[in-house]
Amino acid sequence: MGSKNTTTCCLCGKVKCSVITEDKFTLKLSWHHWVYYIFFLLGILPHLIVIPLVTKRAIIEVGLCQKHRKRREIDIRSALAGIFFSGAVIAVGLSAQKLEVGAVGVLLVFAGFTYLIVRSNVLAPKRIDSFGRVWLTGACREYLESLPTSKD
């Protein structure tokens, strides 16, 4: 099916293209249990202190076919262009002393960052344990089944 360095695109099962690719995509993942968001209720400082201490990290390499790599690049560029445009809307609104226009620009900035975060994400960790094992979400079932499993 290919050389040792080839891998299947992690997203292709969803769109049925089943492409073998030699392009590896390095992902730096981090995860912490959702319960630690309770520290945010105590204030930003306790949250900023606790979260780095309990966050688990992992680096993985996944395959991404040319089609999905290009789609991801387009999404990232679109989001950044939208954020830049939002900054221009804020500047125009403030210079014309139209606070409504500036407020729309601020909302557009949040929308742009949300789009950037959602669309640039290839895979997300469901869990990372202290042994470095990673449970993933966002990939097709065939890809996840092809990954090695750990025997506890």
N, C-alpha and C. Protein backbone atom coordinates (compact mmCIF):
# COMPACT_ATOMS: atom_id res chain seq x y z
N MET A 1 0.82 -1.19 0.00
CA MET A 1 0.00 0.00 0.00
C MET A 1 0.86 1.25 0.00
N GLY A 2 2.09 1.15 0.38
CA GLY A 2 2.97 2.30 0.40
C GLY A 2 4.22 1.98 1.19
N SER A 3 5.11 2.96 1.29
CA SER A 3 6.33 2.73 2.04
C SER A 3 6.05 2.83 3.52
N LYS A 4 7.08 2.58 4.32
CA LYS A 4 6.92 2.66 5.76
C LYS A 4 6.56 4.06 6.22
N ASN A 5 6.95 5.07 5.46
CA ASN A 5 6.71 6.45 5.86
C ASN A 5 5.37 6.99 5.40
N THR A 6 4.56 6.18 4.74
CA THR A 6 3.26 6.66 4.31
C THR A 6 2.23 6.42 5.40
N THR A 7 1.21 7.19 5.38
CA THR A 7 0.12 7.05 6.34
C THR A 7 -1.17 7.48 5.67
N THR A 8 -2.27 7.10 6.24
CA THR A 8 -3.57 7.48 5.71
C THR A 8 -3.97 8.83 6.28
N CYS A 9 -4.65 9.62 5.48
CA CYS A 9 -5.16 10.90 5.95
C CYS A 9 -6.15 10.64 7.08
N CYS A 10 -6.03 11.38 8.17
CA CYS A 10 -6.86 11.14 9.34
C CYS A 10 -8.29 11.63 9.16
N LEU A 11 -8.58 12.40 8.12
CA LEU A 11 -9.91 12.95 7.93
C LEU A 11 -10.67 12.32 6.77
N CYS A 12 -9.98 11.59 5.90
CA CYS A 12 -10.58 11.15 4.65
C CYS A 12 -11.72 10.17 4.79
N GLY A 13 -11.82 9.46 5.86
CA GLY A 13 -12.93 8.54 6.02
C GLY A 13 -14.27 9.25 6.00
N LYS A 14 -14.27 10.53 6.41
CA LYS A 14 -15.52 11.29 6.44
C LYS A 14 -15.96 11.68 5.04
N VAL A 15 -15.02 11.87 4.12
CA VAL A 15 -15.37 12.29 2.77
C VAL A 15 -15.05 11.21 1.75
N LYS A 16 -14.68 10.02 2.21
CA LYS A 16 -14.47 8.85 1.37
C LYS A 16 -13.41 9.02 0.29
N CYS A 17 -12.31 9.69 0.60
CA CYS A 17 -11.27 9.79 -0.43
C CYS A 17 -10.13 8.82 -0.17
N SER A 18 -9.98 8.28 1.03
CA SER A 18 -9.03 7.22 1.38
C SER A 18 -7.66 7.38 0.72
N VAL A 19 -7.06 8.51 0.89
CA VAL A 19 -5.79 8.82 0.24
C VAL A 19 -4.64 8.43 1.16
N ILE A 20 -3.65 7.76 0.59
CA ILE A 20 -2.40 7.49 1.30
C ILE A 20 -1.50 8.68 1.04
N THR A 21 -0.89 9.20 2.08
CA THR A 21 -0.08 10.40 1.95
C THR A 21 1.27 10.20 2.63
N GLU A 22 2.27 10.88 2.13
CA GLU A 22 3.57 10.88 2.79
C GLU A 22 3.77 12.14 3.61
N ASP A 23 2.81 13.06 3.54
CA ASP A 23 2.89 14.30 4.31
C ASP A 23 2.47 14.04 5.75
N LYS A 24 3.36 14.31 6.66
CA LYS A 24 3.06 14.17 8.08
C LYS A 24 2.76 15.55 8.64
N PHE A 25 1.86 15.60 9.56
CA PHE A 25 1.43 16.84 10.18
C PHE A 25 1.65 16.68 11.68
N THR A 26 2.49 17.50 12.28
CA THR A 26 2.79 17.39 13.71
C THR A 26 1.80 18.22 14.50
N LEU A 27 1.18 17.60 15.47
CA LEU A 27 0.22 18.28 16.34
C LEU A 27 0.73 18.28 17.77
N LYS A 28 0.69 19.44 18.40
CA LYS A 28 1.00 19.55 19.82
C LYS A 28 -0.33 19.65 20.55
N LEU A 29 -0.65 18.60 21.30
CA LEU A 29 -1.94 18.53 21.98
C LEU A 29 -1.78 18.79 23.46
N SER A 30 -2.79 19.38 24.06
CA SER A 30 -2.82 19.54 25.51
C SER A 30 -4.25 19.29 25.98
N TRP A 31 -4.36 18.78 27.21
CA TRP A 31 -5.67 18.41 27.74
C TRP A 31 -5.62 18.50 29.25
N HIS A 32 -6.72 18.93 29.83
CA HIS A 32 -6.93 18.82 31.27
C HIS A 32 -8.40 18.55 31.51
N HIS A 33 -8.70 17.95 32.63
CA HIS A 33 -10.08 17.59 32.94
C HIS A 33 -10.92 18.86 33.05
N TRP A 34 -12.17 18.77 32.61
CA TRP A 34 -13.04 19.94 32.60
C TRP A 34 -13.31 20.48 34.00
N VAL A 35 -13.17 19.65 35.02
CA VAL A 35 -13.45 20.08 36.40
C VAL A 35 -12.54 21.24 36.83
N TYR A 36 -11.36 21.33 36.23
CA TYR A 36 -10.43 22.40 36.63
C TYR A 36 -10.90 23.79 36.19
N TYR A 37 -11.91 23.85 35.36
CA TYR A 37 -12.48 25.17 35.02
C TYR A 37 -13.17 25.80 36.22
N ILE A 38 -13.45 25.03 37.26
CA ILE A 38 -14.03 25.58 38.49
C ILE A 38 -13.12 26.64 39.08
N PHE A 39 -11.82 26.48 38.90
CA PHE A 39 -10.88 27.47 39.42
C PHE A 39 -11.09 28.84 38.78
N PHE A 40 -11.66 28.86 37.59
CA PHE A 40 -11.96 30.14 36.93
C PHE A 40 -13.01 30.91 37.72
N LEU A 41 -13.90 30.20 38.43
CA LEU A 41 -14.91 30.87 39.26
C LEU A 41 -14.28 31.59 40.45
N LEU A 42 -13.11 31.12 40.86
CA LEU A 42 -12.40 31.77 41.97
C LEU A 42 -11.61 32.99 41.51
N GLY A 43 -11.53 33.16 40.21
CA GLY A 43 -10.80 34.30 39.66
C GLY A 43 -9.82 33.83 38.61
N ILE A 44 -9.32 34.77 37.86
CA ILE A 44 -8.41 34.43 36.77
C ILE A 44 -7.05 33.96 37.31
N LEU A 45 -6.59 34.53 38.41
CA LEU A 45 -5.28 34.16 38.94
C LEU A 45 -5.21 32.70 39.39
N PRO A 46 -6.16 32.19 40.19
CA PRO A 46 -6.10 30.76 40.53
C PRO A 46 -6.18 29.87 39.29
N HIS A 47 -6.96 30.27 38.32
CA HIS A 47 -7.08 29.51 37.08
C HIS A 47 -5.74 29.48 36.34
N LEU A 48 -5.07 30.62 36.26
CA LEU A 48 -3.78 30.70 35.56
C LEU A 48 -2.67 29.96 36.29
N ILE A 49 -2.83 29.76 37.58
CA ILE A 49 -1.84 29.03 38.36
C ILE A 49 -2.06 27.52 38.24
N VAL A 50 -3.31 27.08 38.35
CA VAL A 50 -3.62 25.65 38.42
C VAL A 50 -3.55 24.98 37.05
N ILE A 51 -4.10 25.58 36.02
CA ILE A 51 -4.21 24.93 34.72
C ILE A 51 -2.85 24.48 34.16
N PRO A 52 -1.80 25.30 34.17
CA PRO A 52 -0.51 24.79 33.66
C PRO A 52 0.03 23.61 34.47
N LEU A 53 -0.32 23.52 35.74
CA LEU A 53 0.18 22.42 36.57
C LEU A 53 -0.50 21.10 36.27
N VAL A 54 -1.78 21.12 35.86
CA VAL A 54 -2.53 19.88 35.67
C VAL A 54 -2.68 19.50 34.20
N THR A 55 -2.23 20.34 33.29
CA THR A 55 -2.38 20.06 31.87
C THR A 55 -1.41 18.98 31.42
N LYS A 56 -1.94 18.00 30.70
CA LYS A 56 -1.12 16.94 30.11
C LYS A 56 -0.86 17.30 28.66
N ARG A 57 0.32 16.98 28.16
CA ARG A 57 0.70 17.34 26.79
C ARG A 57 1.19 16.12 26.03
N ALA A 58 0.99 16.16 24.72
CA ALA A 58 1.48 15.10 23.84
C ALA A 58 1.74 15.70 22.47
N ILE A 59 2.71 15.11 21.78
CA ILE A 59 3.01 15.51 20.40
C ILE A 59 2.80 14.27 19.54
N ILE A 60 1.98 14.41 18.50
CA ILE A 60 1.71 13.28 17.61
C ILE A 60 1.91 13.72 16.16
N GLU A 61 2.14 12.75 15.30
CA GLU A 61 2.23 13.00 13.87
C GLU A 61 1.09 12.27 13.19
N VAL A 62 0.35 12.99 12.37
CA VAL A 62 -0.76 12.39 11.63
C VAL A 62 -0.61 12.73 10.16
N GLY A 63 -1.27 11.93 9.34
CA GLY A 63 -1.26 12.20 7.92
C GLY A 63 -2.41 13.13 7.55
N LEU A 64 -2.15 13.99 6.60
CA LEU A 64 -3.18 14.89 6.10
C LEU A 64 -2.99 14.96 4.59
N CYS A 65 -3.99 14.55 3.84
CA CYS A 65 -3.87 14.55 2.38
C CYS A 65 -3.84 16.00 1.88
N GLN A 66 -3.45 16.13 0.62
CA GLN A 66 -3.29 17.46 0.03
C GLN A 66 -4.61 18.24 0.06
N LYS A 67 -5.71 17.55 -0.18
CA LYS A 67 -7.03 18.20 -0.18
C LYS A 67 -7.36 18.81 1.18
N HIS A 68 -7.15 18.05 2.25
CA HIS A 68 -7.46 18.55 3.59
C HIS A 68 -6.43 19.57 4.07
N ARG A 69 -5.18 19.40 3.68
CA ARG A 69 -4.15 20.38 4.04
C ARG A 69 -4.48 21.73 3.40
N LYS A 70 -4.88 21.71 2.13
CA LYS A 70 -5.23 22.94 1.42
C LYS A 70 -6.47 23.57 2.04
N ARG A 71 -7.48 22.76 2.39
CA ARG A 71 -8.70 23.27 3.00
C ARG A 71 -8.37 23.96 4.33
N ARG A 72 -7.48 23.36 5.10
CA ARG A 72 -7.09 23.93 6.39
C ARG A 72 -6.37 25.27 6.19
N GLU A 73 -5.47 25.33 5.20
CA GLU A 73 -4.76 26.58 4.91
C GLU A 73 -5.73 27.68 4.49
N ILE A 74 -6.71 27.35 3.65
CA ILE A 74 -7.71 28.33 3.22
C ILE A 74 -8.53 28.83 4.41
N ASP A 75 -8.92 27.92 5.29
CA ASP A 75 -9.69 28.31 6.47
C ASP A 75 -8.90 29.23 7.39
N ILE A 76 -7.62 28.92 7.59
CA ILE A 76 -6.79 29.77 8.45
C ILE A 76 -6.62 31.15 7.83
N ARG A 77 -6.34 31.21 6.53
CA ARG A 77 -6.18 32.51 5.87
C ARG A 77 -7.48 33.30 5.88
N SER A 78 -8.61 32.63 5.68
CA SER A 78 -9.91 33.32 5.70
C SER A 78 -10.18 33.90 7.08
N ALA A 79 -9.90 33.13 8.12
CA ALA A 79 -10.13 33.62 9.48
C ALA A 79 -9.24 34.82 9.78
N LEU A 80 -7.97 34.75 9.40
CA LEU A 80 -7.06 35.86 9.66
C LEU A 80 -7.47 37.11 8.88
N ALA A 81 -7.94 36.92 7.64
CA ALA A 81 -8.43 38.06 6.85
C ALA A 81 -9.67 38.67 7.51
N GLY A 82 -10.54 37.81 8.02
CA GLY A 82 -11.73 38.31 8.72
C GLY A 82 -11.38 39.08 9.99
N ILE A 83 -10.37 38.60 10.72
CA ILE A 83 -9.94 39.30 11.93
C ILE A 83 -9.33 40.65 11.57
N PHE A 84 -8.52 40.68 10.51
CA PHE A 84 -7.94 41.94 10.04
C PHE A 84 -9.04 42.91 9.62
N PHE A 85 -10.03 42.42 8.87
CA PHE A 85 -11.16 43.25 8.45
C PHE A 85 -11.92 43.78 9.66
N SER A 86 -12.08 42.95 10.69
CA SER A 86 -12.77 43.36 11.91
C SER A 86 -12.03 44.52 12.60
N GLY A 87 -10.69 44.43 12.59
CA GLY A 87 -9.90 45.53 13.16
C GLY A 87 -10.12 46.81 12.39
N ALA A 88 -10.25 46.71 11.08
CA ALA A 88 -10.53 47.90 10.26
C ALA A 88 -11.91 48.45 10.58
N VAL A 89 -12.88 47.58 10.79
CA VAL A 89 -14.24 48.03 11.14
C VAL A 89 -14.22 48.75 12.48
N ILE A 90 -13.47 48.23 13.44
CA ILE A 90 -13.35 48.89 14.75
C ILE A 90 -12.72 50.27 14.58
N ALA A 91 -11.64 50.34 13.81
CA ALA A 91 -10.95 51.63 13.61
C ALA A 91 -11.87 52.65 12.94
N VAL A 92 -12.62 52.23 11.92
CA VAL A 92 -13.54 53.15 11.24
C VAL A 92 -14.64 53.59 12.19
N GLY A 93 -15.17 52.65 12.96
CA GLY A 93 -16.23 52.99 13.90
C GLY A 93 -15.78 53.96 14.96
N LEU A 94 -14.58 53.77 15.49
CA LEU A 94 -14.08 54.67 16.53
C LEU A 94 -13.69 56.02 15.96
N SER A 95 -13.12 56.06 14.76
CA SER A 95 -12.73 57.34 14.18
C SER A 95 -13.94 58.17 13.77
N ALA A 96 -15.04 57.52 13.41
CA ALA A 96 -16.27 58.23 13.05
C ALA A 96 -17.16 58.43 14.27
N GLN A 97 -16.68 58.02 15.43
CA GLN A 97 -17.41 58.11 16.69
C GLN A 97 -18.77 57.42 16.60
N LYS A 98 -18.77 56.29 15.94
CA LYS A 98 -19.95 55.44 15.83
C LYS A 98 -19.67 54.18 16.66
N LEU A 99 -20.10 54.20 17.90
CA LEU A 99 -19.83 53.08 18.78
C LEU A 99 -20.51 51.80 18.32
N GLU A 100 -21.64 51.92 17.61
CA GLU A 100 -22.33 50.73 17.12
C GLU A 100 -21.45 49.98 16.11
N VAL A 101 -20.80 50.74 15.24
CA VAL A 101 -19.92 50.12 14.24
C VAL A 101 -18.72 49.47 14.93
N GLY A 102 -18.17 50.15 15.93
CA GLY A 102 -17.06 49.58 16.68
C GLY A 102 -17.47 48.32 17.41
N ALA A 103 -18.68 48.28 17.95
CA ALA A 103 -19.18 47.09 18.65
C ALA A 103 -19.35 45.92 17.68
N VAL A 104 -19.83 46.22 16.47
CA VAL A 104 -19.95 45.18 15.46
C VAL A 104 -18.56 44.64 15.11
N GLY A 105 -17.57 45.51 15.04
CA GLY A 105 -16.21 45.08 14.77
C GLY A 105 -15.67 44.16 15.85
N VAL A 106 -15.98 44.47 17.11
CA VAL A 106 -15.54 43.61 18.22
C VAL A 106 -16.20 42.24 18.11
N LEU A 107 -17.49 42.20 17.79
CA LEU A 107 -18.18 40.92 17.60
C LEU A 107 -17.58 40.13 16.44
N LEU A 108 -17.20 40.84 15.38
CA LEU A 108 -16.57 40.17 14.25
C LEU A 108 -15.20 39.59 14.61
N VAL A 109 -14.47 40.27 15.49
CA VAL A 109 -13.19 39.73 15.96
C VAL A 109 -13.42 38.41 16.69
N PHE A 110 -14.40 38.38 17.59
CA PHE A 110 -14.71 37.13 18.30
C PHE A 110 -15.14 36.03 17.33
N ALA A 111 -15.95 36.40 16.34
CA ALA A 111 -16.39 35.43 15.33
C ALA A 111 -15.19 34.90 14.53
N GLY A 112 -14.27 35.78 14.18
CA GLY A 112 -13.08 35.37 13.44
C GLY A 112 -12.21 34.42 14.23
N PHE A 113 -11.99 34.71 15.51
CA PHE A 113 -11.18 33.83 16.34
C PHE A 113 -11.87 32.49 16.57
N THR A 114 -13.20 32.52 16.73
CA THR A 114 -13.94 31.27 16.88
C THR A 114 -13.81 30.42 15.63
N TYR A 115 -13.98 31.03 14.47
CA TYR A 115 -13.83 30.32 13.21
C TYR A 115 -12.42 29.75 13.07
N LEU A 116 -11.42 30.53 13.46
CA LEU A 116 -10.03 30.08 13.38
C LEU A 116 -9.80 28.86 14.26
N ILE A 117 -10.30 28.89 15.47
CA ILE A 117 -10.09 27.78 16.40
C ILE A 117 -10.82 26.52 15.92
N VAL A 118 -12.05 26.68 15.48
CA VAL A 118 -12.84 25.52 15.08
C VAL A 118 -12.32 24.91 13.78
N ARG A 119 -12.05 25.72 12.77
CA ARG A 119 -11.70 25.20 11.46
C ARG A 119 -10.23 24.78 11.32
N SER A 120 -9.34 25.32 12.15
CA SER A 120 -7.94 24.94 12.03
C SER A 120 -7.62 23.68 12.83
N ASN A 121 -8.55 23.25 13.65
CA ASN A 121 -8.34 22.08 14.49
C ASN A 121 -8.44 20.81 13.65
N VAL A 122 -7.38 20.01 13.62
CA VAL A 122 -7.38 18.77 12.86
C VAL A 122 -7.94 17.64 13.73
N LEU A 123 -7.30 17.37 14.83
CA LEU A 123 -7.73 16.38 15.80
C LEU A 123 -7.73 17.02 17.17
N ALA A 124 -8.56 16.51 18.05
CA ALA A 124 -8.60 17.03 19.42
C ALA A 124 -8.45 15.87 20.39
N PRO A 125 -7.76 16.11 21.50
CA PRO A 125 -7.64 15.04 22.48
C PRO A 125 -8.90 14.92 23.33
N LYS A 126 -9.38 13.71 23.51
CA LYS A 126 -10.46 13.46 24.46
C LYS A 126 -9.88 13.32 25.85
N ARG A 127 -8.65 12.78 25.88
CA ARG A 127 -7.97 12.56 27.14
C ARG A 127 -6.51 12.28 26.86
N ILE A 128 -5.65 12.71 27.77
CA ILE A 128 -4.23 12.35 27.75
C ILE A 128 -3.89 11.91 29.16
N ASP A 129 -3.36 10.72 29.30
CA ASP A 129 -3.03 10.27 30.65
C ASP A 129 -1.57 10.56 30.97
N SER A 130 -1.17 10.23 32.20
CA SER A 130 0.18 10.57 32.65
C SER A 130 1.25 9.69 31.98
N PHE A 131 0.85 8.64 31.28
CA PHE A 131 1.80 7.79 30.56
C PHE A 131 2.00 8.25 29.12
N GLY A 132 1.31 9.32 28.72
CA GLY A 132 1.44 9.84 27.37
C GLY A 132 0.50 9.20 26.36
N ARG A 133 -0.42 8.36 26.82
CA ARG A 133 -1.41 7.79 25.91
C ARG A 133 -2.47 8.84 25.60
N VAL A 134 -2.89 8.86 24.33
CA VAL A 134 -3.80 9.90 23.86
C VAL A 134 -5.06 9.26 23.29
N TRP A 135 -6.22 9.75 23.71
CA TRP A 135 -7.49 9.38 23.12
C TRP A 135 -7.91 10.54 22.24
N LEU A 136 -8.18 10.25 20.95
CA LEU A 136 -8.44 11.32 19.98
C LEU A 136 -9.89 11.36 19.55
N THR A 137 -10.30 12.54 19.13
CA THR A 137 -11.59 12.73 18.50
C THR A 137 -11.40 13.62 17.28
N GLY A 138 -12.29 13.48 16.31
CA GLY A 138 -12.21 14.31 15.12
C GLY A 138 -11.72 13.57 13.89
N ALA A 139 -11.19 12.36 14.08
CA ALA A 139 -10.71 11.57 12.94
C ALA A 139 -11.78 10.56 12.54
N CYS A 140 -11.64 10.03 11.36
CA CYS A 140 -12.60 9.01 10.91
C CYS A 140 -12.36 7.72 11.69
N ARG A 141 -13.38 6.90 11.76
CA ARG A 141 -13.33 5.65 12.53
C ARG A 141 -12.24 4.72 12.00
N GLU A 142 -12.09 4.65 10.68
CA GLU A 142 -11.09 3.76 10.08
C GLU A 142 -9.69 4.15 10.52
N TYR A 143 -9.43 5.45 10.58
CA TYR A 143 -8.11 5.92 11.00
C TYR A 143 -7.86 5.58 12.46
N LEU A 144 -8.84 5.84 13.32
CA LEU A 144 -8.67 5.55 14.74
C LEU A 144 -8.48 4.06 14.99
N GLU A 145 -9.15 3.22 14.21
CA GLU A 145 -8.98 1.77 14.37
C GLU A 145 -7.61 1.29 13.90
N SER A 146 -6.97 2.07 13.03
CA SER A 146 -5.64 1.68 12.53
C SER A 146 -4.53 2.02 13.52
N LEU A 147 -4.82 2.83 14.51
CA LEU A 147 -3.79 3.23 15.48
C LEU A 147 -3.53 2.10 16.47
N PRO A 148 -2.31 2.03 17.00
CA PRO A 148 -2.01 0.98 17.97
C PRO A 148 -2.77 1.22 19.27
N THR A 149 -3.18 0.13 19.89
CA THR A 149 -3.85 0.25 21.18
C THR A 149 -2.87 -0.17 22.26
N SER A 150 -3.12 0.33 23.45
CA SER A 150 -2.21 0.01 24.56
C SER A 150 -2.88 -1.04 25.43
N LYS A 151 -2.10 -1.98 25.89
CA LYS A 151 -2.60 -3.02 26.78
C LYS A 151 -2.26 -2.60 28.22
N ASP A 152 -3.29 -2.40 29.02
CA ASP A 152 -3.05 -1.95 30.40
C ASP A 152 -2.61 -3.10 31.29
